[in-house]
C-alpha atoms as a PDB file:
ATOM      1  CA  MET A   1      23.401 -15.505 -13.413  1.00  0.00           C
ATOM      2  CA  LYS A   2      24.743 -13.401 -16.286  1.00  0.00           C
ATOM      3  CA  ASP A   3      23.780 -10.172 -14.458  1.00  0.00           C
ATOM      4  CA  PHE A   4      25.551 -11.392 -11.359  1.00  0.00           C
ATOM      5  CA  LEU A   5      28.760 -12.172 -13.268  1.00  0.00           C
ATOM      6  CA  ASP A   6      28.613  -8.869 -15.144  1.00  0.00           C
ATOM      7  CA  THR A   7      28.620  -6.965 -11.861  1.00  0.00           C
ATOM      8  CA  LEU A   8      31.739  -8.721 -10.625  1.00  0.00           C
ATOM      9  CA  ASP A   9      34.338  -7.483 -13.091  1.00  0.00           C
ATOM     10  CA  TYR A  10      36.898  -6.511 -10.478  1.00  0.00           C
ATOM     11  CA  ILE A  11      36.650  -9.835  -8.628  1.00  0.00           C
ATOM     12  CA  LYS A  12      37.118 -12.186 -11.604  1.00  0.00           C
ATOM     13  CA  THR A  13      40.918 -12.109 -11.374  1.00  0.00           C
ATOM     14  CA  PRO A  14      41.071 -12.945  -7.644  1.00  0.00           C
ATOM     15  CA  MET A  15      38.506 -15.709  -8.200  1.00  0.00           C
ATOM     16  CA  THR A  16      40.633 -17.163 -10.989  1.00  0.00           C
ATOM     17  CA  ILE A  17      43.737 -17.035  -8.801  1.00  0.00           C
ATOM     18  CA  CYS A  18      41.867 -18.713  -5.936  1.00  0.00           C
ATOM     19  CA  PHE A  19      40.608 -21.403  -8.299  1.00  0.00           C
ATOM     20  CA  ILE A  20      44.166 -22.110  -9.461  1.00  0.00           C
ATOM     21  CA  ILE A  21      45.347 -22.265  -5.844  1.00  0.00           C
ATOM     22  CA  LEU A  22      42.447 -24.583  -5.016  1.00  0.00           C
ATOM     23  CA  VAL A  23      43.417 -26.905  -7.873  1.00  0.00           C
ATOM     24  CA  CYS A  24      47.040 -26.870  -6.665  1.00  0.00           C
ATOM     25  CA  PHE A  25      45.924 -27.657  -3.092  1.00  0.00           C
ATOM     26  CA  ALA A  26      43.738 -30.497  -4.353  1.00  0.00           C
ATOM     27  CA  PHE A  27      46.563 -31.911  -6.470  1.00  0.00           C
ATOM     28  CA  TYR A  28      48.983 -31.617  -3.526  1.00  0.00           C
ATOM     29  CA  PHE A  29      46.505 -33.371  -1.209  1.00  0.00           C
ATOM     30  CA  ILE A  30      45.878 -36.187  -3.673  1.00  0.00           C
ATOM     31  CA  LYS A  31      49.588 -36.781  -4.276  1.00  0.00           C
ATOM     32  CA  ASN A  32      50.675 -36.471  -0.637  1.00  0.00           C
ATOM     33  CA  SER A  33      47.582 -37.326   1.380  1.00  0.00           C
ATOM     34  CA  LYS A  34      49.357 -40.025   3.391  1.00  0.00           C
ATOM     35  CA  SER A  35      52.444 -37.976   4.247  1.00  0.00           C
ATOM     36  CA  ILE A  36      50.822 -34.606   5.064  1.00  0.00           C
ATOM     37  CA  ASP A  37      50.680 -33.771   8.733  1.00  0.00           C
ATOM     38  CA  PHE A  38      47.151 -33.563  10.177  1.00  0.00           C
ATOM     39  CA  GLN A  39      47.788 -30.033  11.474  1.00  0.00           C
ATOM     40  CA  LEU A  40      48.964 -28.908   8.032  1.00  0.00           C
ATOM     41  CA  LYS A  41      45.766 -30.298   6.505  1.00  0.00           C
ATOM     42  CA  ILE A  42      43.716 -28.293   9.014  1.00  0.00           C
ATOM     43  CA  ILE A  43      45.706 -25.119   8.251  1.00  0.00           C
ATOM     44  CA  PHE A  44      45.182 -25.565   4.497  1.00  0.00           C
ATOM     45  CA  ILE A  45      41.445 -26.091   4.982  1.00  0.00           C
ATOM     46  CA  VAL A  46      41.113 -23.040   7.262  1.00  0.00           C
ATOM     47  CA  ILE A  47      43.015 -20.842   4.787  1.00  0.00           C
ATOM     48  CA  LEU A  48      40.856 -22.094   1.942  1.00  0.00           C
ATOM     49  CA  ILE A  49      37.633 -21.411   3.871  1.00  0.00           C
ATOM     50  CA  LEU A  50      38.794 -17.893   4.781  1.00  0.00           C
ATOM     51  CA  VAL A  51      39.680 -17.074   1.177  1.00  0.00           C
ATOM     52  CA  VAL A  52      36.334 -18.351  -0.103  1.00  0.00           C
ATOM     53  CA  MET A  53      34.416 -16.413   2.575  1.00  0.00           C
ATOM     54  CA  THR A  54      36.322 -13.201   1.825  1.00  0.00           C
ATOM     55  CA  LEU A  55      35.615 -13.507  -1.883  1.00  0.00           C
ATOM     56  CA  TYR A  56      31.960 -14.270  -1.201  1.00  0.00           C
ATOM     57  CA  PHE A  57      31.461 -11.195   0.999  1.00  0.00           C
ATOM     58  CA  LYS A  58      33.306  -8.952  -1.465  1.00  0.00           C
ATOM     59  CA  ALA A  59      31.236 -10.285  -4.353  1.00  0.00           C
ATOM     60  CA  ASN A  60      27.999  -9.913  -2.400  1.00  0.00           C
ATOM     61  CA  GLY A  61      28.811  -6.296  -1.475  1.00  0.00           C
ATOM     62  CA  GLN A  62      29.668  -5.461  -5.081  1.00  0.00           C
ATOM     63  CA  LYS A  63      26.486  -7.169  -6.282  1.00  0.00           C
ATOM     64  CA  ASN A  64      24.317  -5.151  -3.876  1.00  0.00           C
ATOM     65  CA  VAL A  65      25.898  -1.860  -4.948  1.00  0.00           C
ATOM     66  CA  SER A  66      25.513  -2.754  -8.625  1.00  0.00           C
ATOM     67  CA  PHE A  67      21.840  -3.608  -8.173  1.00  0.00           C
ATOM     68  CA  LEU A  68      21.297  -0.377  -6.232  1.00  0.00           C
ATOM     69  CA  LYS A  69      22.954   1.687  -8.981  1.00  0.00           C
ATOM     70  CA  LYS A  70      20.783   0.102 -11.686  1.00  0.00           C
ATOM     71  CA  ASP A  71      17.426   0.698  -9.998  1.00  0.00           C
ATOM     72  CA  PHE A  72      17.546   3.298  -7.227  1.00  0.00           C
ATOM     73  CA  SER A  73      15.269   5.770  -5.572  1.00  0.00           C
ATOM     74  CA  LEU A  74      15.813   8.553  -3.040  1.00  0.00           C
ATOM     75  CA  THR A  75      14.298   9.428   0.296  1.00  0.00           C
ATOM     76  CA  SER A  76      15.378  11.215   3.443  1.00  0.00           C
ATOM     77  CA  GLY A  77      16.501   9.651   6.678  1.00  0.00           C
ATOM     78  CA  HIS A  78      17.978  10.557  10.008  1.00  0.00           C
ATOM     79  CA  ILE A  79      20.954   9.151  11.860  1.00  0.00           C
ATOM     80  CA  GLU A  80      20.034   7.022  14.826  1.00  0.00           C
ATOM     81  CA  GLU A  81      23.563   6.111  15.941  1.00  0.00           C
ATOM     82  CA  TYR A  82      27.002   7.209  14.784  1.00  0.00           C
ATOM     83  CA  PHE A  83      30.175   5.473  15.921  1.00  0.00           C
ATOM     84  CA  VAL A  84      33.638   6.855  15.192  1.00  0.00           C
ATOM     85  CA  ALA A  85      36.419   4.328  15.711  1.00  0.00           C
ATOM     86  CA  PHE A  86      39.619   5.673  17.155  1.00  0.00           C
ATOM     87  CA  SER A  87      41.555   2.449  16.712  1.00  0.00           C
ATOM     88  CA  SER A  88      42.516   0.354  13.737  1.00  0.00           C
ATOM     89  CA  LYS A  89      40.614  -2.649  15.140  1.00  0.00           C
ATOM     90  CA  ASN A  90      37.193  -1.040  14.697  1.00  0.00           C
ATOM     91  CA  THR A  91      35.641   0.837  11.804  1.00  0.00           C
ATOM     92  CA  ASN A  92      33.268   3.776  11.662  1.00  0.00           C
ATOM     93  CA  LYS A  93      29.612   2.756  11.715  1.00  0.00           C
ATOM     94  CA  VAL A  94      26.318   4.519  11.098  1.00  0.00           C
ATOM     95  CA  THR A  95      22.767   3.385  11.919  1.00  0.00           C
ATOM     96  CA  TYR A  96      19.907   5.268  10.289  1.00  0.00           C
ATOM     97  CA  ILE A  97      16.144   5.208   9.819  1.00  0.00           C
ATOM     98  CA  TYR A  98      14.277   6.181   6.666  1.00  0.00           C
ATOM     99  CA  ARG A  99      10.727   6.014   5.417  1.00  0.00           C
ATOM    100  CA  ILE A 100       9.420   4.451   2.216  1.00  0.00           C
ATOM    101  CA  GLY A 101       5.688   4.979   1.821  1.00  0.00           C
ATOM    102  CA  ASN A 102       4.235   4.268   5.245  1.00  0.00           C
ATOM    103  CA  LYS A 103       6.998   1.851   6.275  1.00  0.00           C
ATOM    104  CA  PHE A 104      10.006   2.829   8.408  1.00  0.00           C
ATOM    105  CA  ILE A 105      13.219   0.922   7.747  1.00  0.00           C
ATOM    106  CA  GLU A 106      16.287   0.834   9.975  1.00  0.00           C
ATOM    107  CA  ASN A 107      19.622  -0.003   8.420  1.00  0.00           C
ATOM    108  CA  SER A 108      23.285   0.270   9.301  1.00  0.00           C
ATOM    109  CA  TYR A 109      26.648  -0.244   7.708  1.00  0.00           C
ATOM    110  CA  SER A 110      30.301  -0.003   8.619  1.00  0.00           C
ATOM    111  CA  GLN A 111      33.055   1.815   6.779  1.00  0.00           C
ATOM    112  CA  ASN A 112      33.344   0.370   3.280  1.00  0.00           C
ATOM    113  CA  SER A 113      34.815   1.265  -0.085  1.00  0.00           C
ATOM    114  CA  TYR A 114      31.504   2.476  -1.549  1.00  0.00           C
ATOM    115  CA  VAL A 115      30.280   5.209   0.809  1.00  0.00           C
ATOM    116  CA  ALA A 116      32.476   7.321   3.062  1.00  0.00           C
ATOM    117  CA  ILE A 117      31.759   7.617   6.770  1.00  0.00           C
ATOM    118  CA  PRO A 118      33.683  10.668   8.017  1.00  0.00           C
ATOM    119  CA  ASP A 119      35.757  10.614  11.197  1.00  0.00           C
ATOM    120  CA  TYR A 120      33.914  13.655  12.532  1.00  0.00           C
ATOM    121  CA  LYS A 121      30.391  13.349  13.890  1.00  0.00           C
ATOM    122  CA  PRO A 122      27.781  14.890  11.558  1.00  0.00           C
ATOM    123  CA  ASP A 123      24.822  16.948  12.734  1.00  0.00           C
ATOM    124  CA  LEU A 124      22.355  14.416  14.139  1.00  0.00           C
ATOM    125  CA  SER A 125      19.442  16.849  14.190  1.00  0.00           C
ATOM    126  CA  ILE A 126      19.052  17.157  10.411  1.00  0.00           C
ATOM    127  CA  LEU A 127      17.970  14.761   7.680  1.00  0.00           C
ATOM    128  CA  TYR A 128      20.292  13.265   5.067  1.00  0.00           C
ATOM    129  CA  LEU A 129      19.696  11.807   1.632  1.00  0.00           C
ATOM    130  CA  VAL A 130      19.182   8.031   1.545  1.00  0.00           C
ATOM    131  CA  ILE A 131      19.612   6.067  -1.668  1.00  0.00           C
ATOM    132  CA  TYR A 132      17.976   2.646  -1.828  1.00  0.00           C
ATOM    133  CA  GLU A 133      17.235  -0.112  -4.311  1.00  0.00           C
ATOM    134  CA  LYS A 134      13.585  -0.033  -5.413  1.00  0.00           C
ATOM    135  CA  LYS A 135      13.135  -3.821  -5.421  1.00  0.00           C
ATOM    136  CA  ASN A 136      15.019  -4.307  -2.146  1.00  0.00           C
ATOM    137  CA  PRO A 137      14.649  -1.189   0.059  1.00  0.00           C
ATOM    138  CA  GLN A 138      16.883  -2.704   2.755  1.00  0.00           C
ATOM    139  CA  ASN A 139      19.795  -2.319   0.302  1.00  0.00           C
ATOM    140  CA  SER A 140      20.531   1.328   1.041  1.00  0.00           C
ATOM    141  CA  PHE A 141      23.104   3.919   2.080  1.00  0.00           C
ATOM    142  CA  ILE A 142      22.686   7.205   3.903  1.00  0.00           C
ATOM    143  CA  LEU A 143      24.724   9.827   2.061  1.00  0.00           C
ATOM    144  CA  LEU A 144      26.269  12.035   4.726  1.00  0.00           C
ATOM    145  CA  ASN A 145      27.654  14.455   2.146  1.00  0.00           C
ATOM    146  CA  TYR A 146      24.065  15.330   1.124  1.00  0.00           C
ATOM    147  CA  PRO A 147      22.391  17.014   4.130  1.00  0.00           C
ATOM    148  CA  ILE A 148      18.752  18.063   3.794  1.00  0.00           C
ATOM    149  CA  ASN A 149      18.075  21.333   5.596  1.00  0.00           C
ATOM    150  CA  THR A 150      15.040  22.377   3.548  1.00  0.00           C
ATOM    151  CA  SER A 151      12.573  20.717   1.201  1.00  0.00           C
ATOM    152  CA  GLU A 152      14.308  22.650  -1.584  1.00  0.00           C
ATOM    153  CA  ASP A 153      17.524  20.702  -0.864  1.00  0.00           C
ATOM    154  CA  PHE A 154      15.693  17.407  -1.402  1.00  0.00           C
ATOM    155  CA  ARG A 155      14.215  18.600  -4.717  1.00  0.00           C
ATOM    156  CA  ASN A 156      17.682  19.745  -5.864  1.00  0.00           C
ATOM    157  CA  TYR A 157      19.188  16.375  -4.963  1.00  0.00           C
ATOM    158  CA  LYS A 158      16.431  14.571  -6.870  1.00  0.00           C
ATOM    159  CA  LYS A 159      17.292  16.634  -9.957  1.00  0.00           C
ATOM    160  CA  MET A 160      20.991  15.941  -9.433  1.00  0.00           C
ATOM    161  CA  PHE A 161      20.383  12.176  -9.223  1.00  0.00           C
ATOM    162  CA  GLU A 162      17.826  12.121 -12.042  1.00  0.00           C
ATOM    163  CA  ASN A 163      20.107  10.808 -14.797  1.00  0.00           C
ATOM    164  CA  LYS A 164      22.802   9.029 -12.795  1.00  0.00           C
ATOM    165  CA  ILE A 165      24.382   8.833  -9.379  1.00  0.00           C
ATOM    166  CA  PRO A 166      27.072  11.516  -8.884  1.00  0.00           C
ATOM    167  CA  ALA A 167      30.638  10.266  -8.482  1.00  0.00           C
ATOM    168  CA  ASN A 168      30.958  11.580  -4.924  1.00  0.00           C
ATOM    169  CA  ALA A 169      27.849   9.712  -3.713  1.00  0.00           C
ATOM    170  CA  ILE A 170      28.854   6.075  -4.257  1.00  0.00           C
ATOM    171  CA  TYR A 171      32.451   5.340  -5.151  1.00  0.00           C
ATOM    172  CA  GLU A 172      33.628   2.738  -7.613  1.00  0.00           C
ATOM    173  CA  ASP A 173      36.039   0.092  -6.411  1.00  0.00           C
END
């Protein structure tokens, strides 16, 4: 539990604010439960559920990235599908396949604040560097700014990532 809370530094303030709002909602409901309109009760509950879900997904994403940064390994992978969104309703998405030992793993992710997905379509015929968590290989990102054209490129990237992950690979929130 301590590791989990240590990884969530940036989300502690919003969680505290949400807790205060939750206490205020609870106090308001207790004091005015008879006079509050049924529709207003439903709206309050829906807002509360949405806030809790948003915080949960943010915390879970941050936790996964923190675990990946603490215990990572590298491999190569190729892009299976690349989607560029041309509207604000959708986000860019990449689906990729990589190999760990004799097991092939398929993963995908949408645009997020940790790894950039460019608006232009990358070369789908080459391999790219994939960073994954050793204990949970499904927790991974394909790094499109690290193309692998030769085996020498992969060795150079391994040296580059030997001590720590470069700043342009996975961004901090």
